[in-house]
Amino acid sequence: MRTLILAIAMTAAALGTGVAHADDGIDQTICNQLALGQSPGQVAGELHDGNATITRQRATQRVWQAMPGCPDD
């Protein structure tokens, strides 16, 4: 289920290329996955697996960029 949600978010991001990353829903998906207990590395792996056009390095950067905006609870 989590992979499906991530794949949907990644598809939406691919269709909205050029849009600021905070507007594409991926940050929220990243925060949700982290809140569910996944490690940043696991979330980055799912980002890459969900959209092969995102390299593992870029996926890792994206997770670390999103983390400060995630709720603390």
N, C-alpha and C. Protein backbone atom coordinates (compact mmCIF):
# COMPACT_ATOMS: atom_id res chain seq x y z
N MET A 1 0.82 -1.18 0.00
CA MET A 1 0.00 0.00 0.00
C MET A 1 0.87 1.25 0.00
N ARG A 2 1.90 1.27 0.85
CA ARG A 2 2.77 2.44 0.91
C ARG A 2 3.48 2.65 -0.42
N THR A 3 3.89 1.57 -1.06
CA THR A 3 4.56 1.67 -2.35
C THR A 3 3.60 2.23 -3.39
N LEU A 4 2.34 1.82 -3.33
CA LEU A 4 1.34 2.34 -4.26
C LEU A 4 1.15 3.84 -4.07
N ILE A 5 1.05 4.29 -2.82
CA ILE A 5 0.90 5.71 -2.55
C ILE A 5 2.10 6.47 -3.07
N LEU A 6 3.28 5.93 -2.84
CA LEU A 6 4.50 6.58 -3.30
C LEU A 6 4.55 6.61 -4.82
N ALA A 7 4.14 5.53 -5.48
CA ALA A 7 4.14 5.49 -6.94
C ALA A 7 3.17 6.53 -7.51
N ILE A 8 2.03 6.70 -6.87
CA ILE A 8 1.07 7.71 -7.32
C ILE A 8 1.66 9.11 -7.17
N ALA A 9 2.31 9.37 -6.06
CA ALA A 9 2.93 10.67 -5.84
C ALA A 9 4.04 10.92 -6.85
N MET A 10 4.80 9.87 -7.16
CA MET A 10 5.89 10.02 -8.11
C MET A 10 5.35 10.28 -9.52
N THR A 11 4.25 9.64 -9.88
CA THR A 11 3.63 9.85 -11.19
C THR A 11 3.14 11.29 -11.29
N ALA A 12 2.52 11.77 -10.23
CA ALA A 12 2.06 13.16 -10.21
C ALA A 12 3.24 14.12 -10.35
N ALA A 13 4.35 13.79 -9.73
CA ALA A 13 5.54 14.64 -9.83
C ALA A 13 6.09 14.62 -11.25
N ALA A 14 6.08 13.46 -11.87
CA ALA A 14 6.60 13.37 -13.24
C ALA A 14 5.74 14.18 -14.20
N LEU A 15 4.45 14.21 -13.98
CA LEU A 15 3.56 14.98 -14.84
C LEU A 15 3.70 16.48 -14.61
N GLY A 16 4.14 16.86 -13.43
CA GLY A 16 4.27 18.27 -13.09
C GLY A 16 5.70 18.73 -13.08
N THR A 17 6.51 18.24 -13.97
CA THR A 17 7.92 18.60 -14.03
C THR A 17 8.08 20.11 -14.13
N GLY A 18 8.99 20.65 -13.35
CA GLY A 18 9.24 22.08 -13.36
C GLY A 18 8.51 22.80 -12.23
N VAL A 19 7.63 22.12 -11.54
CA VAL A 19 6.91 22.71 -10.42
C VAL A 19 7.80 22.61 -9.19
N ALA A 20 7.75 23.61 -8.34
CA ALA A 20 8.56 23.58 -7.12
C ALA A 20 8.24 22.31 -6.34
N HIS A 21 9.26 21.67 -5.76
CA HIS A 21 9.07 20.36 -5.16
C HIS A 21 8.10 20.38 -3.99
N ALA A 22 7.91 21.47 -3.32
CA ALA A 22 6.98 21.51 -2.19
C ALA A 22 5.53 21.38 -2.66
N ASP A 23 5.27 21.62 -3.94
CA ASP A 23 3.91 21.60 -4.46
C ASP A 23 3.49 20.25 -5.04
N ASP A 24 4.38 19.29 -5.13
CA ASP A 24 4.04 18.06 -5.83
C ASP A 24 3.59 16.92 -4.92
N GLY A 25 3.51 17.13 -3.63
CA GLY A 25 3.01 16.11 -2.73
C GLY A 25 4.03 15.10 -2.26
N ILE A 26 5.21 15.11 -2.84
CA ILE A 26 6.22 14.13 -2.45
C ILE A 26 6.71 14.39 -1.03
N ASP A 27 6.85 15.67 -0.66
CA ASP A 27 7.31 15.97 0.70
C ASP A 27 6.36 15.37 1.74
N GLN A 28 5.06 15.51 1.50
CA GLN A 28 4.08 14.96 2.43
C GLN A 28 4.18 13.44 2.47
N THR A 29 4.37 12.83 1.32
CA THR A 29 4.51 11.38 1.26
C THR A 29 5.75 10.94 2.03
N ILE A 30 6.85 11.68 1.85
CA ILE A 30 8.09 11.37 2.58
C ILE A 30 7.83 11.45 4.08
N CYS A 31 7.19 12.53 4.53
CA CYS A 31 6.90 12.69 5.96
C CYS A 31 6.02 11.56 6.47
N ASN A 32 5.02 11.18 5.67
CA ASN A 32 4.13 10.08 6.08
C ASN A 32 4.91 8.78 6.24
N GLN A 33 5.79 8.49 5.30
CA GLN A 33 6.57 7.24 5.36
C GLN A 33 7.50 7.25 6.57
N LEU A 34 8.12 8.39 6.85
CA LEU A 34 8.99 8.49 8.02
C LEU A 34 8.18 8.32 9.30
N ALA A 35 6.97 8.89 9.34
CA ALA A 35 6.11 8.77 10.52
C ALA A 35 5.68 7.33 10.75
N LEU A 36 5.61 6.56 9.67
CA LEU A 36 5.25 5.14 9.79
C LEU A 36 6.42 4.27 10.24
N GLY A 37 7.58 4.89 10.42
CA GLY A 37 8.73 4.17 10.96
C GLY A 37 9.78 3.76 9.95
N GLN A 38 9.63 4.16 8.70
CA GLN A 38 10.67 3.83 7.73
C GLN A 38 11.88 4.73 7.94
N SER A 39 13.04 4.20 7.65
CA SER A 39 14.26 5.00 7.74
C SER A 39 14.36 5.89 6.50
N PRO A 40 15.16 6.96 6.58
CA PRO A 40 15.36 7.80 5.39
C PRO A 40 15.87 6.99 4.19
N GLY A 41 16.71 6.01 4.44
CA GLY A 41 17.23 5.18 3.35
C GLY A 41 16.15 4.34 2.70
N GLN A 42 15.22 3.82 3.51
CA GLN A 42 14.12 3.05 2.95
C GLN A 42 13.21 3.93 2.11
N VAL A 43 12.92 5.13 2.59
CA VAL A 43 12.05 6.05 1.85
C VAL A 43 12.73 6.43 0.53
N ALA A 44 14.02 6.73 0.58
CA ALA A 44 14.75 7.08 -0.65
C ALA A 44 14.73 5.91 -1.63
N GLY A 45 14.88 4.70 -1.13
CA GLY A 45 14.82 3.53 -1.99
C GLY A 45 13.47 3.39 -2.67
N GLU A 46 12.40 3.67 -1.94
CA GLU A 46 11.06 3.60 -2.53
C GLU A 46 10.84 4.72 -3.55
N LEU A 47 11.40 5.90 -3.27
CA LEU A 47 11.31 6.98 -4.26
C LEU A 47 11.96 6.56 -5.56
N HIS A 48 13.13 5.99 -5.46
CA HIS A 48 13.85 5.53 -6.66
C HIS A 48 13.10 4.39 -7.34
N ASP A 49 12.62 3.43 -6.55
CA ASP A 49 11.90 2.29 -7.12
C ASP A 49 10.59 2.71 -7.78
N GLY A 50 9.96 3.74 -7.23
CA GLY A 50 8.69 4.21 -7.77
C GLY A 50 8.83 5.04 -9.03
N ASN A 51 10.02 5.59 -9.25
CA ASN A 51 10.27 6.41 -10.44
C ASN A 51 11.76 6.30 -10.78
N ALA A 52 12.07 5.46 -11.72
CA ALA A 52 13.48 5.18 -12.06
C ALA A 52 14.20 6.40 -12.61
N THR A 53 13.47 7.46 -12.97
CA THR A 53 14.14 8.67 -13.46
C THR A 53 14.78 9.44 -12.31
N ILE A 54 14.41 9.11 -11.08
CA ILE A 54 15.04 9.72 -9.91
C ILE A 54 16.16 8.79 -9.45
N THR A 55 17.37 9.27 -9.51
CA THR A 55 18.50 8.44 -9.09
C THR A 55 18.44 8.23 -7.59
N ARG A 56 19.14 7.22 -7.12
CA ARG A 56 19.19 6.97 -5.67
C ARG A 56 19.79 8.17 -4.95
N GLN A 57 20.79 8.79 -5.54
CA GLN A 57 21.41 9.96 -4.91
C GLN A 57 20.40 11.11 -4.79
N ARG A 58 19.66 11.38 -5.85
CA ARG A 58 18.67 12.45 -5.83
C ARG A 58 17.53 12.12 -4.87
N ALA A 59 17.13 10.86 -4.82
CA ALA A 59 16.08 10.44 -3.89
C ALA A 59 16.53 10.68 -2.45
N THR A 60 17.77 10.33 -2.15
CA THR A 60 18.31 10.54 -0.80
C THR A 60 18.33 12.03 -0.46
N GLN A 61 18.78 12.85 -1.41
CA GLN A 61 18.79 14.30 -1.18
C GLN A 61 17.38 14.82 -0.93
N ARG A 62 16.43 14.33 -1.70
CA ARG A 62 15.05 14.78 -1.58
C ARG A 62 14.48 14.45 -0.20
N VAL A 63 14.79 13.26 0.30
CA VAL A 63 14.31 12.87 1.64
C VAL A 63 14.90 13.81 2.69
N TRP A 64 16.20 14.06 2.62
CA TRP A 64 16.84 14.91 3.61
C TRP A 64 16.36 16.36 3.50
N GLN A 65 16.01 16.81 2.31
CA GLN A 65 15.45 18.16 2.15
C GLN A 65 14.06 18.25 2.76
N ALA A 66 13.29 17.21 2.66
CA ALA A 66 11.91 17.22 3.17
C ALA A 66 11.85 17.08 4.69
N MET A 67 12.80 16.41 5.28
CA MET A 67 12.74 16.08 6.70
C MET A 67 12.54 17.28 7.62
N PRO A 68 13.20 18.42 7.43
CA PRO A 68 12.97 19.54 8.35
C PRO A 68 11.52 20.04 8.35
N GLY A 69 10.80 19.83 7.27
CA GLY A 69 9.41 20.29 7.19
C GLY A 69 8.40 19.29 7.74
N CYS A 70 8.88 18.11 8.16
CA CYS A 70 7.97 17.10 8.69
C CYS A 70 7.59 17.44 10.14
N PRO A 71 6.35 17.14 10.52
CA PRO A 71 5.94 17.36 11.92
C PRO A 71 6.80 16.55 12.87
N ASP A 72 6.96 17.04 14.06
CA ASP A 72 7.80 16.36 15.06
C ASP A 72 7.11 15.22 15.79
N ASP A 73 5.78 15.10 15.64
CA ASP A 73 5.11 14.04 16.41
C ASP A 73 5.20 12.73 15.78
